[in-house]
Amino acid sequence: MFALESVNAALERRDAKTLLKCLKLPHLSLKDVKDDNAEFYLTRLVEMKEYKQVTWWNLDLLVIAATEFERAGRTVMFVLCFQNNNTEDDMVDLTKDEVQMAVQAANLDADSDYQSE
């Protein structure tokens, strides 16, 4: 989906203005995207993307560790593993649902911030 790729690219560049344009693309059909909240969207979405990247790396390390234990003849008690057909780069891209969640959270952040002024 080109619109979602554009959002992820704008996040990589940390470009709030371009991000706002991307969030408004009709193909994404996101709800409640507000012009005044562009910086809040950038902050929330970058945080979410970075968290997702760290989570994926930790899962990769967990799978590697479990494999090494098995090779050493030890039993693995519990392994959390996600099947994913994406490439390594795709694993850190945000989905439409994740973007919508971040937009909603950023709107709450903005409302709270504006009320405190």
PDB file of N, CA and C in Angstrom:
ATOM      1  N   MET A   1       0.849  -1.177   0.000  1.00  0.00           N
ATOM      2  CA  MET A   1       0.000   0.000   0.000  1.00  0.00           C
ATOM      3  C   MET A   1       0.893   1.238   0.000  1.00  0.00           C
ATOM      4  N   PHE A   2       0.781   2.034  -1.046  1.00  0.00           N
ATOM      5  CA  PHE A   2       1.635   3.209  -1.206  1.00  0.00           C
ATOM      6  C   PHE A   2       1.449   4.222  -0.083  1.00  0.00           C
ATOM      7  N   ALA A   3       0.208   4.441   0.346  1.00  0.00           N
ATOM      8  CA  ALA A   3      -0.065   5.443   1.384  1.00  0.00           C
ATOM      9  C   ALA A   3       0.643   5.087   2.685  1.00  0.00           C
ATOM     10  N   LEU A   4       0.608   3.828   3.054  1.00  0.00           N
ATOM     11  CA  LEU A   4       1.264   3.386   4.286  1.00  0.00           C
ATOM     12  C   LEU A   4       2.782   3.470   4.159  1.00  0.00           C
ATOM     13  N   GLU A   5       3.305   3.140   3.003  1.00  0.00           N
ATOM     14  CA  GLU A   5       4.748   3.285   2.766  1.00  0.00           C
ATOM     15  C   GLU A   5       5.163   4.740   2.893  1.00  0.00           C
ATOM     16  N   SER A   6       4.309   5.651   2.428  1.00  0.00           N
ATOM     17  CA  SER A   6       4.601   7.086   2.520  1.00  0.00           C
ATOM     18  C   SER A   6       4.644   7.549   3.972  1.00  0.00           C
ATOM     19  N   VAL A   7       3.734   7.027   4.786  1.00  0.00           N
ATOM     20  CA  VAL A   7       3.730   7.359   6.219  1.00  0.00           C
ATOM     21  C   VAL A   7       5.035   6.898   6.850  1.00  0.00           C
ATOM     22  N   ASN A   8       5.410   5.657   6.598  1.00  0.00           N
ATOM     23  CA  ASN A   8       6.644   5.119   7.178  1.00  0.00           C
ATOM     24  C   ASN A   8       7.880   5.877   6.696  1.00  0.00           C
ATOM     25  N   ALA A   9       7.877   6.293   5.440  1.00  0.00           N
ATOM     26  CA  ALA A   9       9.006   7.076   4.904  1.00  0.00           C
ATOM     27  C   ALA A   9       9.081   8.445   5.582  1.00  0.00           C
ATOM     28  N   ALA A  10       7.944   9.086   5.795  1.00  0.00           N
ATOM     29  CA  ALA A  10       7.926  10.391   6.475  1.00  0.00           C
ATOM     30  C   ALA A  10       8.421  10.253   7.911  1.00  0.00           C
ATOM     31  N   LEU A  11       8.108   9.134   8.541  1.00  0.00           N
ATOM     32  CA  LEU A  11       8.597   8.900   9.903  1.00  0.00           C
ATOM     33  C   LEU A  11      10.108   8.725   9.915  1.00  0.00           C
ATOM     34  N   GLU A  12      10.625   8.023   8.937  1.00  0.00           N
ATOM     35  CA  GLU A  12      12.077   7.842   8.855  1.00  0.00           C
ATOM     36  C   GLU A  12      12.789   9.186   8.716  1.00  0.00           C
ATOM     37  N   ARG A  13      12.167  10.113   7.992  1.00  0.00           N
ATOM     38  CA  ARG A  13      12.764  11.443   7.781  1.00  0.00           C
ATOM     39  C   ARG A  13      12.423  12.421   8.906  1.00  0.00           C
ATOM     40  N   ARG A  14      11.524  12.001   9.826  1.00  0.00           N
ATOM     41  CA  ARG A  14      11.070  12.864  10.930  1.00  0.00           C
ATOM     42  C   ARG A  14      10.478  14.168  10.388  1.00  0.00           C
ATOM     43  N   ASP A  15       9.641  14.044   9.358  1.00  0.00           N
ATOM     44  CA  ASP A  15       9.069  15.183   8.651  1.00  0.00           C
ATOM     45  C   ASP A  15       7.579  15.304   8.979  1.00  0.00           C
ATOM     46  N   ALA A  16       7.254  16.182   9.930  1.00  0.00           N
ATOM     47  CA  ALA A  16       5.875  16.318  10.408  1.00  0.00           C
ATOM     48  C   ALA A  16       4.933  16.821   9.321  1.00  0.00           C
ATOM     49  N   LYS A  17       5.394  17.745   8.494  1.00  0.00           N
ATOM     50  CA  LYS A  17       4.548  18.319   7.449  1.00  0.00           C
ATOM     51  C   LYS A  17       4.160  17.257   6.413  1.00  0.00           C
ATOM     52  N   THR A  18       5.133  16.489   5.962  1.00  0.00           N
ATOM     53  CA  THR A  18       4.865  15.428   4.996  1.00  0.00           C
ATOM     54  C   THR A  18       4.032  14.325   5.646  1.00  0.00           C
ATOM     55  N   LEU A  19       4.328  14.018   6.896  1.00  0.00           N
ATOM     56  CA  LEU A  19       3.571  13.001   7.619  1.00  0.00           C
ATOM     57  C   LEU A  19       2.087  13.365   7.656  1.00  0.00           C
ATOM     58  N   LEU A  20       1.785  14.619   7.960  1.00  0.00           N
ATOM     59  CA  LEU A  20       0.393  15.052   8.022  1.00  0.00           C
ATOM     60  C   LEU A  20      -0.295  14.844   6.674  1.00  0.00           C
ATOM     61  N   LYS A  21       0.389  15.203   5.594  1.00  0.00           N
ATOM     62  CA  LYS A  21      -0.184  14.986   4.254  1.00  0.00           C
ATOM     63  C   LYS A  21      -0.454  13.503   4.005  1.00  0.00           C
ATOM     64  N   CYS A  22       0.474  12.679   4.420  1.00  0.00           N
ATOM     65  CA  CYS A  22       0.322  11.232   4.224  1.00  0.00           C
ATOM     66  C   CYS A  22      -0.829  10.670   5.058  1.00  0.00           C
ATOM     67  N   LEU A  23      -0.964  11.148   6.281  1.00  0.00           N
ATOM     68  CA  LEU A  23      -2.037  10.670   7.152  1.00  0.00           C
ATOM     69  C   LEU A  23      -3.420  11.011   6.585  1.00  0.00           C
ATOM     70  N   LYS A  24      -3.470  12.039   5.754  1.00  0.00           N
ATOM     71  CA  LYS A  24      -4.739  12.470   5.180  1.00  0.00           C
ATOM     72  C   LYS A  24      -5.047  11.807   3.835  1.00  0.00           C
ATOM     73  N   LEU A  25      -4.156  10.966   3.348  1.00  0.00           N
ATOM     74  CA  LEU A  25      -4.404  10.302   2.070  1.00  0.00           C
ATOM     75  C   LEU A  25      -5.670   9.454   2.166  1.00  0.00           C
ATOM     76  N   PRO A  26      -6.551   9.573   1.171  1.00  0.00           N
ATOM     77  CA  PRO A  26      -7.834   8.861   1.216  1.00  0.00           C
ATOM     78  C   PRO A  26      -7.689   7.340   1.314  1.00  0.00           C
ATOM     79  N   HIS A  27      -6.641   6.779   0.761  1.00  0.00           N
ATOM     80  CA  HIS A  27      -6.471   5.328   0.769  1.00  0.00           C
ATOM     81  C   HIS A  27      -6.301   4.769   2.191  1.00  0.00           C
ATOM     82  N   LEU A  28      -5.792   5.590   3.103  1.00  0.00           N
ATOM     83  CA  LEU A  28      -5.637   5.137   4.490  1.00  0.00           C
ATOM     84  C   LEU A  28      -6.948   5.214   5.257  1.00  0.00           C
ATOM     85  N   SER A  29      -7.778   6.151   4.877  1.00  0.00           N
ATOM     86  CA  SER A  29      -9.079   6.388   5.534  1.00  0.00           C
ATOM     87  C   SER A  29      -8.953   6.446   7.064  1.00  0.00           C
ATOM     88  N   LEU A  30      -7.968   7.209   7.526  1.00  0.00           N
ATOM     89  CA  LEU A  30      -7.792   7.396   8.963  1.00  0.00           C
ATOM     90  C   LEU A  30      -8.817   8.399   9.492  1.00  0.00           C
ATOM     91  N   LYS A  31      -9.189   8.244  10.734  1.00  0.00           N
ATOM     92  CA  LYS A  31     -10.186   9.112  11.346  1.00  0.00           C
ATOM     93  C   LYS A  31      -9.531  10.145  12.252  1.00  0.00           C
ATOM     94  N   ASP A  32     -10.110  11.320  12.283  1.00  0.00           N
ATOM     95  CA  ASP A  32      -9.756  12.386  13.232  1.00  0.00           C
ATOM     96  C   ASP A  32      -8.323  12.900  13.099  1.00  0.00           C
ATOM     97  N   VAL A  33      -7.810  12.984  11.883  1.00  0.00           N
ATOM     98  CA  VAL A  33      -6.483  13.577  11.672  1.00  0.00           C
ATOM     99  C   VAL A  33      -6.667  15.098  11.631  1.00  0.00           C
ATOM    100  N   LYS A  34      -5.964  15.787  12.534  1.00  0.00           N
ATOM    101  CA  LYS A  34      -6.128  17.238  12.687  1.00  0.00           C
ATOM    102  C   LYS A  34      -4.820  17.954  12.343  1.00  0.00           C
ATOM    103  N   ASP A  35      -4.938  19.021  11.575  1.00  0.00           N
ATOM    104  CA  ASP A  35      -3.760  19.776  11.132  1.00  0.00           C
ATOM    105  C   ASP A  35      -2.894  20.259  12.293  1.00  0.00           C
ATOM    106  N   ASP A  36      -3.515  20.719  13.360  1.00  0.00           N
ATOM    107  CA  ASP A  36      -2.773  21.294  14.489  1.00  0.00           C
ATOM    108  C   ASP A  36      -1.953  20.268  15.273  1.00  0.00           C
ATOM    109  N   ASN A  37      -2.191  18.984  15.023  1.00  0.00           N
ATOM    110  CA  ASN A  37      -1.552  17.943  15.835  1.00  0.00           C
ATOM    111  C   ASN A  37      -0.395  17.230  15.133  1.00  0.00           C
ATOM    112  N   ALA A  38       0.117  17.803  14.072  1.00  0.00           N
ATOM    113  CA  ALA A  38       1.161  17.138  13.276  1.00  0.00           C
ATOM    114  C   ALA A  38       2.375  16.736  14.118  1.00  0.00           C
ATOM    115  N   GLU A  39       2.832  17.614  14.978  1.00  0.00           N
ATOM    116  CA  GLU A  39       4.004  17.298  15.806  1.00  0.00           C
ATOM    117  C   GLU A  39       3.692  16.183  16.812  1.00  0.00           C
ATOM    118  N   PHE A  40       2.476  16.171  17.325  1.00  0.00           N
ATOM    119  CA  PHE A  40       2.061  15.110  18.246  1.00  0.00           C
ATOM    120  C   PHE A  40       2.028  13.763  17.518  1.00  0.00           C
ATOM    121  N   TYR A  41       1.529  13.772  16.264  1.00  0.00           N
ATOM    122  CA  TYR A  41       1.498  12.533  15.467  1.00  0.00           C
ATOM    123  C   TYR A  41       2.914  12.032  15.225  1.00  0.00           C
ATOM    124  N   LEU A  42       3.788  12.950  14.873  1.00  0.00           N
ATOM    125  CA  LEU A  42       5.173  12.556  14.612  1.00  0.00           C
ATOM    126  C   LEU A  42       5.798  11.916  15.849  1.00  0.00           C
ATOM    127  N   THR A  43       5.615  12.543  16.993  1.00  0.00           N
ATOM    128  CA  THR A  43       6.187  12.017  18.235  1.00  0.00           C
ATOM    129  C   THR A  43       5.650  10.626  18.549  1.00  0.00           C
ATOM    130  N   ARG A  44       4.330  10.487  18.543  1.00  0.00           N
ATOM    131  CA  ARG A  44       3.719   9.194  18.881  1.00  0.00           C
ATOM    132  C   ARG A  44       4.100   8.096  17.887  1.00  0.00           C
ATOM    133  N   LEU A  45       4.076   8.412  16.610  1.00  0.00           N
ATOM    134  CA  LEU A  45       4.350   7.399  15.589  1.00  0.00           C
ATOM    135  C   LEU A  45       5.815   6.980  15.578  1.00  0.00           C
ATOM    136  N   VAL A  46       6.718   7.929  15.781  1.00  0.00           N
ATOM    137  CA  VAL A  46       8.142   7.582  15.864  1.00  0.00           C
ATOM    138  C   VAL A  46       8.384   6.694  17.073  1.00  0.00           C
ATOM    139  N   GLU A  47       7.775   7.032  18.213  1.00  0.00           N
ATOM    140  CA  GLU A  47       7.920   6.194  19.408  1.00  0.00           C
ATOM    141  C   GLU A  47       7.402   4.782  19.157  1.00  0.00           C
ATOM    142  N   MET A  48       6.245   4.686  18.505  1.00  0.00           N
ATOM    143  CA  MET A  48       5.664   3.378  18.234  1.00  0.00           C
ATOM    144  C   MET A  48       6.544   2.565  17.293  1.00  0.00           C
ATOM    145  N   LYS A  49       7.073   3.220  16.271  1.00  0.00           N
ATOM    146  CA  LYS A  49       7.943   2.548  15.299  1.00  0.00           C
ATOM    147  C   LYS A  49       9.231   2.066  15.977  1.00  0.00           C
ATOM    148  N   GLU A  50       9.813   2.896  16.832  1.00  0.00           N
ATOM    149  CA  GLU A  50      11.040   2.515  17.538  1.00  0.00           C
ATOM    150  C   GLU A  50      10.773   1.359  18.506  1.00  0.00           C
ATOM    151  N   TYR A  51       9.642   1.402  19.195  1.00  0.00           N
ATOM    152  CA  TYR A  51       9.278   0.315  20.106  1.00  0.00           C
ATOM    153  C   TYR A  51       9.107  -0.985  19.335  1.00  0.00           C
ATOM    154  N   LYS A  52       8.442  -0.900  18.209  1.00  0.00           N
ATOM    155  CA  LYS A  52       8.215  -2.091  17.391  1.00  0.00           C
ATOM    156  C   LYS A  52       9.541  -2.662  16.898  1.00  0.00           C
ATOM    157  N   GLN A  53      10.467  -1.791  16.529  1.00  0.00           N
ATOM    158  CA  GLN A  53      11.768  -2.255  16.053  1.00  0.00           C
ATOM    159  C   GLN A  53      12.516  -2.991  17.160  1.00  0.00           C
ATOM    160  N   VAL A  54      12.521  -2.439  18.355  1.00  0.00           N
ATOM    161  CA  VAL A  54      13.192  -3.081  19.495  1.00  0.00           C
ATOM    162  C   VAL A  54      12.540  -4.419  19.806  1.00  0.00           C
ATOM    163  N   THR A  55      11.203  -4.452  19.750  1.00  0.00           N
ATOM    164  CA  THR A  55      10.470  -5.687  20.029  1.00  0.00           C
ATOM    165  C   THR A  55      10.830  -6.765  19.027  1.00  0.00           C
ATOM    166  N   TRP A  56      10.893  -6.421  17.752  1.00  0.00           N
ATOM    167  CA  TRP A  56      11.242  -7.412  16.729  1.00  0.00           C
ATOM    168  C   TRP A  56      12.658  -7.935  16.939  1.00  0.00           C
ATOM    169  N   TRP A  57      13.599  -7.042  17.266  1.00  0.00           N
ATOM    170  CA  TRP A  57      14.974  -7.492  17.498  1.00  0.00           C
ATOM    171  C   TRP A  57      15.024  -8.441  18.688  1.00  0.00           C
ATOM    172  N   ASN A  58      14.270  -8.130  19.752  1.00  0.00           N
ATOM    173  CA  ASN A  58      14.255  -9.005  20.922  1.00  0.00           C
ATOM    174  C   ASN A  58      13.674 -10.369  20.582  1.00  0.00           C
ATOM    175  N   LEU A  59      12.631 -10.412  19.754  1.00  0.00           N
ATOM    176  CA  LEU A  59      12.057 -11.682  19.340  1.00  0.00           C
ATOM    177  C   LEU A  59      13.062 -12.484  18.523  1.00  0.00           C
ATOM    178  N   ASP A  60      13.797 -11.794  17.634  1.00  0.00           N
ATOM    179  CA  ASP A  60      14.827 -12.474  16.849  1.00  0.00           C
ATOM    180  C   ASP A  60      15.866 -13.102  17.774  1.00  0.00           C
ATOM    181  N   LEU A  61      16.289 -12.357  18.788  1.00  0.00           N
ATOM    182  CA  LEU A  61      17.288 -12.869  19.724  1.00  0.00           C
ATOM    183  C   LEU A  61      16.749 -14.053  20.513  1.00  0.00           C
ATOM    184  N   LEU A  62      15.466 -14.009  20.878  1.00  0.00           N
ATOM    185  CA  LEU A  62      14.844 -15.103  21.608  1.00  0.00           C
ATOM    186  C   LEU A  62      14.837 -16.376  20.768  1.00  0.00           C
ATOM    187  N   VAL A  63      14.501 -16.263  19.505  1.00  0.00           N
ATOM    188  CA  VAL A  63      14.476 -17.427  18.611  1.00  0.00           C
ATOM    189  C   VAL A  63      15.883 -17.980  18.428  1.00  0.00           C
ATOM    190  N   ILE A  64      16.873 -17.102  18.273  1.00  0.00           N
ATOM    191  CA  ILE A  64      18.268 -17.540  18.137  1.00  0.00           C
ATOM    192  C   ILE A  64      18.716 -18.277  19.394  1.00  0.00           C
ATOM    193  N   ALA A  65      18.396 -17.731  20.571  1.00  0.00           N
ATOM    194  CA  ALA A  65      18.788 -18.360  21.839  1.00  0.00           C
ATOM    195  C   ALA A  65      18.137 -19.727  21.981  1.00  0.00           C
ATOM    196  N   ALA A  66      16.856 -19.831  21.634  1.00  0.00           N
ATOM    197  CA  ALA A  66      16.160 -21.116  21.738  1.00  0.00           C
ATOM    198  C   ALA A  66      16.793 -22.145  20.816  1.00  0.00           C
ATOM    199  N   THR A  67      17.171 -21.715  19.625  1.00  0.00           N
ATOM    200  CA  THR A  67      17.818 -22.619  18.664  1.00  0.00           C
ATOM    201  C   THR A  67      19.145 -23.131  19.214  1.00  0.00           C
ATOM    202  N   GLU A  68      19.905 -22.247  19.831  1.00  0.00           N
ATOM    203  CA  GLU A  68      21.198 -22.641  20.399  1.00  0.00           C
ATOM    204  C   GLU A  68      21.021 -23.620  21.559  1.00  0.00           C
ATOM    205  N   PHE A  69      20.017 -23.410  22.387  1.00  0.00           N
ATOM    206  CA  PHE A  69      19.747 -24.347  23.479  1.00  0.00           C
ATOM    207  C   PHE A  69      19.408 -25.729  22.929  1.00  0.00           C
ATOM    208  N   GLU A  70      18.585 -25.766  21.907  1.00  0.00           N
ATOM    209  CA  GLU A  70      18.203 -27.046  21.307  1.00  0.00           C
ATOM    210  C   GLU A  70      19.409 -27.757  20.701  1.00  0.00           C
ATOM    211  N   ARG A  71      20.298 -27.010  20.065  1.00  0.00           N
ATOM    212  CA  ARG A  71      21.509 -27.594  19.478  1.00  0.00           C
ATOM    213  C   ARG A  71      22.416 -28.184  20.556  1.00  0.00           C
ATOM    214  N   ALA A  72      22.368 -27.570  21.739  1.00  0.00           N
ATOM    215  CA  ALA A  72      23.199 -28.055  22.839  1.00  0.00           C
ATOM    216  C   ALA A  72      22.532 -29.220  23.577  1.00  0.00           C
ATOM    217  N   GLY A  73      21.379 -29.662  23.105  1.00  0.00           N
ATOM    218  CA  GLY A  73      20.702 -30.797  23.716  1.00  0.00           C
ATOM    219  C   GLY A  73      19.852 -30.451  24.918  1.00  0.00           C
ATOM    220  N   ARG A  74      19.610 -29.174  25.131  1.00  0.00           N
ATOM    221  CA  ARG A  74      18.791 -28.750  26.266  1.00  0.00           C
ATOM    222  C   ARG A  74      17.355 -28.544  25.810  1.00  0.00           C
ATOM    223  N   THR A  75      16.448 -28.756  26.704  1.00  0.00           N
ATOM    224  CA  THR A  75      15.033 -28.567  26.408  1.00  0.00           C
ATOM    225  C   THR A  75      14.666 -27.104  26.603  1.00  0.00           C
ATOM    226  N   VAL A  76      13.929 -26.577  25.659  1.00  0.00           N
ATOM    227  CA  VAL A  76      13.433 -25.209  25.775  1.00  0.00           C
ATOM    228  C   VAL A  76      12.041 -25.291  26.383  1.00  0.00           C
ATOM    229  N   MET A  77      11.872 -24.632  27.530  1.00  0.00           N
ATOM    230  CA  MET A  77      10.596 -24.711  28.238  1.00  0.00           C
ATOM    231  C   MET A  77       9.509 -23.897  27.545  1.00  0.00           C
ATOM    232  N   PHE A  78       9.843 -22.685  27.093  1.00  0.00           N
ATOM    233  CA  PHE A  78       8.834 -21.817  26.511  1.00  0.00           C
ATOM    234  C   PHE A  78       9.508 -20.877  25.521  1.00  0.00           C
ATOM    235  N   VAL A  79       8.957 -20.805  24.337  1.00  0.00           N
ATOM    236  CA  VAL A  79       9.485 -19.876  23.337  1.00  0.00           C
ATOM    237  C   VAL A  79       8.317 -19.143  22.698  1.00  0.00           C
ATOM    238  N   LEU A  80       8.381 -17.827  22.728  1.00  0.00           N
ATOM    239  CA  LEU A  80       7.394 -17.001  22.064  1.00  0.00           C
ATOM    240  C   LEU A  80       7.908 -16.703  20.671  1.00  0.00           C
ATOM    241  N   CYS A  81       7.149 -17.071  19.665  1.00  0.00           N
ATOM    242  CA  CYS A  81       7.624 -16.906  18.300  1.00  0.00           C
ATOM    243  C   CYS A  81       6.477 -16.457  17.412  1.00  0.00           C
ATOM    244  N   PHE A  82       6.727 -15.471  16.587  1.00  0.00           N
ATOM    245  CA  PHE A  82       5.739 -15.005  15.631  1.00  0.00           C
ATOM    246  C   PHE A  82       6.168 -15.432  14.240  1.00  0.00           C
ATOM    247  N   GLN A  83       5.249 -15.978  13.478  1.00  0.00           N
ATOM    248  CA  GLN A  83       5.521 -16.279  12.087  1.00  0.00           C
ATOM    249  C   GLN A  83       5.301 -14.999  11.303  1.00  0.00           C
ATOM    250  N   ASN A  84       6.231 -14.653  10.469  1.00  0.00           N
ATOM    251  CA  ASN A  84       6.131 -13.424   9.703  1.00  0.00           C
ATOM    252  C   ASN A  84       6.771 -13.652   8.348  1.00  0.00           C
ATOM    253  N   ASN A  85       6.042 -13.334   7.300  1.00  0.00           N
ATOM    254  CA  ASN A  85       6.561 -13.502   5.948  1.00  0.00           C
ATOM    255  C   ASN A  85       7.187 -12.229   5.408  1.00  0.00           C
ATOM    256  N   ASN A  86       7.308 -11.210   6.229  1.00  0.00           N
ATOM    257  CA  ASN A  86       7.881  -9.945   5.781  1.00  0.00           C
ATOM    258  C   ASN A  86       9.396 -10.009   5.788  1.00  0.00           C
ATOM    259  N   THR A  87       9.999  -9.057   5.091  1.00  0.00           N
ATOM    260  CA  THR A  87      11.449  -8.926   5.144  1.00  0.00           C
ATOM    261  C   THR A  87      11.813  -8.232   6.450  1.00  0.00           C
ATOM    262  N   GLU A  88      13.099  -8.186   6.754  1.00  0.00           N
ATOM    263  CA  GLU A  88      13.539  -7.532   7.995  1.00  0.00           C
ATOM    264  C   GLU A  88      13.134  -6.067   8.015  1.00  0.00           C
ATOM    265  N   ASP A  89      13.217  -5.369   6.867  1.00  0.00           N
ATOM    266  CA  ASP A  89      12.825  -3.967   6.809  1.00  0.00           C
ATOM    267  C   ASP A  89      11.336  -3.789   7.062  1.00  0.00           C
ATOM    268  N   ASP A  90      10.511  -4.693   6.524  1.00  0.00           N
ATOM    269  CA  ASP A  90       9.070  -4.586   6.698  1.00  0.00           C
ATOM    270  C   ASP A  90       8.660  -4.771   8.149  1.00  0.00           C
ATOM    271  N   MET A  91       9.435  -5.498   8.909  1.00  0.00           N
ATOM    272  CA  MET A  91       9.050  -5.800  10.280  1.00  0.00           C
ATOM    273  C   MET A  91       8.941  -4.556  11.143  1.00  0.00           C
ATOM    274  N   VAL A  92       9.630  -3.498  10.795  1.00  0.00           N
ATOM    275  CA  VAL A  92       9.569  -2.304  11.623  1.00  0.00           C
ATOM    276  C   VAL A  92       8.625  -1.248  11.054  1.00  0.00           C
ATOM    277  N   ASP A  93       7.970  -1.530   9.938  1.00  0.00           N
ATOM    278  CA  ASP A  93       6.980  -0.602   9.415  1.00  0.00           C
ATOM    279  C   ASP A  93       5.691  -0.738  10.220  1.00  0.00           C
ATOM    280  N   LEU A  94       4.996   0.367  10.337  1.00  0.00           N
ATOM    281  CA  LEU A  94       3.735   0.361  11.069  1.00  0.00           C
ATOM    282  C   LEU A  94       2.582  -0.042  10.156  1.00  0.00           C
ATOM    283  N   THR A  95       1.593  -0.693  10.728  1.00  0.00           N
ATOM    284  CA  THR A  95       0.390  -1.071  10.001  1.00  0.00           C
ATOM    285  C   THR A  95      -0.635   0.061  10.084  1.00  0.00           C
ATOM    286  N   LYS A  96      -1.665  -0.027   9.286  1.00  0.00           N
ATOM    287  CA  LYS A  96      -2.725   0.986   9.315  1.00  0.00           C
ATOM    288  C   LYS A  96      -3.366   1.055  10.702  1.00  0.00           C
ATOM    289  N   ASP A  97      -3.627  -0.091  11.307  1.00  0.00           N
ATOM    290  CA  ASP A  97      -4.239  -0.100  12.640  1.00  0.00           C
ATOM    291  C   ASP A  97      -3.334   0.553  13.682  1.00  0.00           C
ATOM    292  N   GLU A  98      -2.034   0.307  13.583  1.00  0.00           N
ATOM    293  CA  GLU A  98      -1.092   0.929  14.515  1.00  0.00           C
ATOM    294  C   GLU A  98      -1.049   2.443  14.312  1.00  0.00           C
ATOM    295  N   VAL A  99      -1.103   2.877  13.065  1.00  0.00           N
ATOM    296  CA  VAL A  99      -1.104   4.314  12.775  1.00  0.00           C
ATOM    297  C   VAL A  99      -2.366   4.952  13.347  1.00  0.00           C
ATOM    298  N   GLN A 100      -3.517   4.318  13.149  1.00  0.00           N
ATOM    299  CA  GLN A 100      -4.768   4.871  13.673  1.00  0.00           C
ATOM    300  C   GLN A 100      -4.729   4.957  15.206  1.00  0.00           C
ATOM    301  N   MET A 101      -4.188   3.929  15.859  1.00  0.00           N
ATOM    302  CA  MET A 101      -4.058   3.960  17.320  1.00  0.00           C
ATOM    303  C   MET A 101      -3.188   5.127  17.771  1.00  0.00           C
ATOM    304  N   ALA A 102      -2.082   5.342  17.065  1.00  0.00           N
ATOM    305  CA  ALA A 102      -1.170   6.427  17.427  1.00  0.00           C
ATOM    306  C   ALA A 102      -1.815   7.786  17.184  1.00  0.00           C
ATOM    307  N   VAL A 103      -2.592   7.917  16.121  1.00  0.00           N
ATOM    308  CA  VAL A 103      -3.298   9.176  15.851  1.00  0.00           C
ATOM    309  C   VAL A 103      -4.266   9.474  16.992  1.00  0.00           C
ATOM    310  N   GLN A 104      -5.009   8.488  17.422  1.00  0.00           N
ATOM    311  CA  GLN A 104      -5.950   8.696  18.530  1.00  0.00           C
ATOM    312  C   GLN A 104      -5.221   9.087  19.811  1.00  0.00           C
ATOM    313  N   ALA A 105      -4.121   8.410  20.108  1.00  0.00           N
ATOM    314  CA  ALA A 105      -3.345   8.728  21.313  1.00  0.00           C
ATOM    315  C   ALA A 105      -2.750  10.128  21.214  1.00  0.00           C
ATOM    316  N   ALA A 106      -2.263  10.492  20.036  1.00  0.00           N
ATOM    317  CA  ALA A 106      -1.680  11.823  19.842  1.00  0.00           C
ATOM    318  C   ALA A 106      -2.741  12.913  19.987  1.00  0.00           C
ATOM    319  N   ASN A 107      -3.949  12.629  19.526  1.00  0.00           N
ATOM    320  CA  ASN A 107      -5.030  13.608  19.700  1.00  0.00           C
ATOM    321  C   ASN A 107      -5.319  13.841  21.180  1.00  0.00           C
ATOM    322  N   LEU A 108      -5.293  12.782  21.984  1.00  0.00           N
ATOM    323  CA  LEU A 108      -5.475  12.926  23.427  1.00  0.00           C
ATOM    324  C   LEU A 108      -4.330  13.726  24.042  1.00  0.00           C
ATOM    325  N   ASP A 109      -3.093  13.438  23.587  1.00  0.00           N
ATOM    326  CA  ASP A 109      -1.930  14.194  24.069  1.00  0.00           C
ATOM    327  C   ASP A 109      -2.102  15.681  23.760  1.00  0.00           C
ATOM    328  N   ALA A 110      -2.511  15.963  22.534  1.00  0.00           N
ATOM    329  CA  ALA A 110      -2.679  17.353  22.105  1.00  0.00           C
ATOM    330  C   ALA A 110      -3.774  18.048  22.905  1.00  0.00           C
ATOM    331  N   ASP A 111      -4.899  17.374  23.085  1.00  0.00           N
ATOM    332  CA  ASP A 111      -5.996  17.963  23.870  1.00  0.00           C
ATOM    333  C   ASP A 111      -5.536  18.291  25.280  1.00  0.00           C
ATOM    334  N   SER A 112      -4.811  17.375  25.882  1.00  0.00           N
ATOM    335  CA  SER A 112      -4.288  17.583  27.241  1.00  0.00           C
ATOM    336  C   SER A 112      -3.312  18.752  27.274  1.00  0.00           C
ATOM    337  N   ASP A 113      -2.446  18.805  26.280  1.00  0.00           N
ATOM    338  CA  ASP A 113      -1.444  19.873  26.209  1.00  0.00           C
ATOM    339  C   ASP A 113      -2.104  21.233  26.004  1.00  0.00           C
ATOM    340  N   TYR A 114      -3.082  21.295  25.102  1.00  0.00           N
ATOM    341  CA  TYR A 114      -3.765  22.559  24.826  1.00  0.00           C
ATOM    342  C   TYR A 114      -4.550  23.044  26.032  1.00  0.00           C
ATOM    343  N   GLN A 115      -5.119  22.118  26.809  1.00  0.00           N
ATOM    344  CA  GLN A 115      -5.893  22.491  27.998  1.00  0.00           C
ATOM    345  C   GLN A 115      -4.999  23.037  29.102  1.00  0.00           C
ATOM    346  N   SER A 116      -3.759  22.562  29.139  1.00  0.00           N
ATOM    347  CA  SER A 116      -2.851  23.008  30.198  1.00  0.00           C
ATOM    348  C   SER A 116      -2.237  24.380  29.901  1.00  0.00           C
ATOM    349  N   GLU A 117      -2.415  24.873  28.711  1.00  0.00           N
ATOM    350  CA  GLU A 117      -1.840  26.183  28.359  1.00  0.00           C
ATOM    351  C   GLU A 117      -2.675  27.330  28.871  1.00  0.00           C
TER     352      GLU A 117
END
